[in-house]
Amino acid sequence: MRNRIVLLFVILSVVFLVSCKDKLSVELINQESYKTASNKIIKVKYYELEDKSLGFIKIKIPEVKELTLPRLMSASGAKYTDESAFMWWIKGENGTLYRISDNGEWDKLYEECSLMQE
């Protein structure tokens, strides 16, 4: 239920922002690549609305299409999730990608993802 509420909030926020008279632009903040422990590459593009009211990522995961995940509050690091399928959590130069399991628990899909120096 919480997942649906969060997703509904994100959707309504985007609809509201799109319908505003003064349009907000989306800014590409950063692009980074991470190498997984199994030597696969995860590519992440970090975006924000110009007023900083919403941050999100476009993440390209091996064997999965590109996903868009909004930024949510986090006690440490940065967390991006749709709260229903995927979560990208970064702290410092490392990231972990989680996928929701059939029993509703977050399982690590790729851990120990290290920022690649480009």
Protein backbone atom coordinates (compact mmCIF):
# COMPACT_ATOMS: atom_id res chain seq x y z
CA MET A 1 0.00 0.00 0.00
CA ARG A 2 2.84 2.40 0.87
CA ASN A 3 4.40 1.74 -2.53
CA ARG A 4 1.23 2.79 -4.30
CA ILE A 5 0.94 5.96 -2.22
CA VAL A 6 4.53 6.96 -3.00
CA LEU A 7 4.06 6.21 -6.69
CA LEU A 8 0.78 8.15 -6.74
CA PHE A 9 2.49 11.11 -5.04
CA VAL A 10 5.29 11.11 -7.62
CA ILE A 11 2.82 10.89 -10.51
CA LEU A 12 0.65 13.69 -9.11
CA SER A 13 3.72 15.85 -8.51
CA VAL A 14 4.84 15.41 -12.10
CA VAL A 15 1.33 16.10 -13.44
CA PHE A 16 1.12 19.23 -11.29
CA LEU A 17 4.51 20.45 -12.43
CA VAL A 18 3.70 19.81 -16.07
CA SER A 19 0.46 21.75 -15.78
CA CYS A 20 2.07 24.79 -14.12
CA LYS A 21 1.96 28.00 -16.10
CA ASP A 22 5.68 28.57 -15.64
CA LYS A 23 7.39 25.50 -17.04
CA LEU A 24 10.34 24.06 -15.18
CA SER A 25 13.27 22.72 -17.09
CA VAL A 26 15.07 19.48 -16.35
CA GLU A 27 18.80 19.71 -15.77
CA LEU A 28 21.26 16.87 -16.30
CA ILE A 29 23.42 17.03 -13.16
CA ASN A 30 25.84 14.19 -13.73
CA GLN A 31 26.51 10.99 -15.68
CA GLU A 32 28.34 8.11 -14.09
CA SER A 33 29.17 4.49 -14.79
CA TYR A 34 29.55 1.83 -12.13
CA LYS A 35 31.22 -1.57 -12.44
CA THR A 36 29.56 -4.45 -10.61
CA ALA A 37 31.43 -7.20 -8.78
CA SER A 38 30.66 -9.41 -11.81
CA ASN A 39 32.21 -6.80 -14.18
CA LYS A 40 28.91 -5.59 -15.64
CA ILE A 41 28.37 -1.89 -16.25
CA ILE A 42 25.51 0.18 -14.82
CA LYS A 43 25.09 3.63 -16.40
CA VAL A 44 23.34 6.34 -14.42
CA LYS A 45 22.25 9.84 -15.43
CA TYR A 46 21.27 12.16 -12.55
CA TYR A 47 18.63 14.84 -13.19
CA GLU A 48 16.88 17.59 -11.21
CA LEU A 49 14.15 20.06 -11.95
CA GLU A 50 15.60 23.56 -12.10
CA ASP A 51 13.90 24.52 -8.82
CA LYS A 52 15.40 21.41 -7.12
CA SER A 53 11.93 20.17 -6.09
CA LEU A 54 12.41 16.76 -7.72
CA GLY A 55 15.48 14.66 -8.44
CA PHE A 56 15.51 11.46 -10.45
CA ILE A 57 17.76 9.14 -12.39
CA LYS A 58 17.72 7.29 -15.66
CA ILE A 59 19.54 4.03 -15.00
CA LYS A 60 20.59 1.44 -17.57
CA ILE A 61 20.91 -1.96 -15.97
CA PRO A 62 22.36 -5.06 -17.69
CA GLU A 63 19.58 -7.29 -19.05
CA VAL A 64 16.94 -4.66 -18.13
CA LYS A 65 15.61 -1.72 -20.09
CA GLU A 66 16.41 1.82 -18.97
CA LEU A 67 14.47 2.82 -15.86
CA THR A 68 13.46 6.17 -14.37
CA LEU A 69 13.60 6.26 -10.57
CA PRO A 70 12.73 9.29 -8.39
CA ARG A 71 14.95 10.32 -5.46
CA LEU A 72 13.52 9.65 -2.02
CA MET A 73 14.66 10.75 1.43
CA SER A 74 17.52 8.70 2.86
CA ALA A 75 19.27 8.74 6.21
CA SER A 76 22.64 8.27 4.51
CA GLY A 77 23.67 8.30 0.90
CA ALA A 78 21.10 8.78 -1.86
CA LYS A 79 18.19 6.48 -2.61
CA TYR A 80 16.32 6.31 -5.91
CA THR A 81 13.36 3.94 -6.15
CA ASP A 82 9.95 3.36 -7.64
CA GLU A 83 9.10 1.48 -4.40
CA SER A 84 7.67 -1.38 -6.46
CA ALA A 85 10.46 -3.00 -8.47
CA PHE A 86 13.92 -1.40 -8.26
CA MET A 87 16.04 0.65 -5.86
CA TRP A 88 19.44 2.24 -6.51
CA TRP A 89 21.27 3.25 -3.34
CA ILE A 90 24.58 5.09 -3.47
CA LYS A 91 26.94 6.17 -0.75
CA GLY A 92 30.23 7.77 -1.64
CA GLU A 93 31.62 6.06 -4.73
CA ASN A 94 29.72 2.79 -4.28
CA GLY A 95 26.22 1.72 -5.22
CA THR A 96 23.87 -1.21 -4.69
CA LEU A 97 20.98 -2.14 -6.94
CA TYR A 98 18.02 -3.92 -5.36
CA ARG A 99 15.07 -5.66 -6.96
CA ILE A 100 11.84 -6.54 -5.16
CA SER A 101 11.36 -10.27 -4.72
CA ASP A 102 8.15 -12.25 -5.08
CA ASN A 103 7.70 -12.13 -1.30
CA GLY A 104 7.98 -8.32 -1.24
CA GLU A 105 11.51 -8.13 0.19
CA TRP A 106 14.36 -6.11 -1.36
CA ASP A 107 17.02 -8.47 -2.74
CA LYS A 108 20.44 -7.28 -3.88
CA LEU A 109 20.65 -7.61 -7.65
CA TYR A 110 24.10 -5.99 -7.92
CA GLU A 111 26.17 -5.06 -4.92
CA GLU A 112 29.61 -3.54 -4.56
CA CYS A 113 29.14 -1.41 -7.66
CA SER A 114 32.18 0.86 -7.89
CA LEU A 115 32.27 4.25 -9.58
CA MET A 116 34.37 4.06 -12.73
CA GLN A 117 36.81 6.87 -13.45
CA GLU A 118 36.04 8.09 -16.95
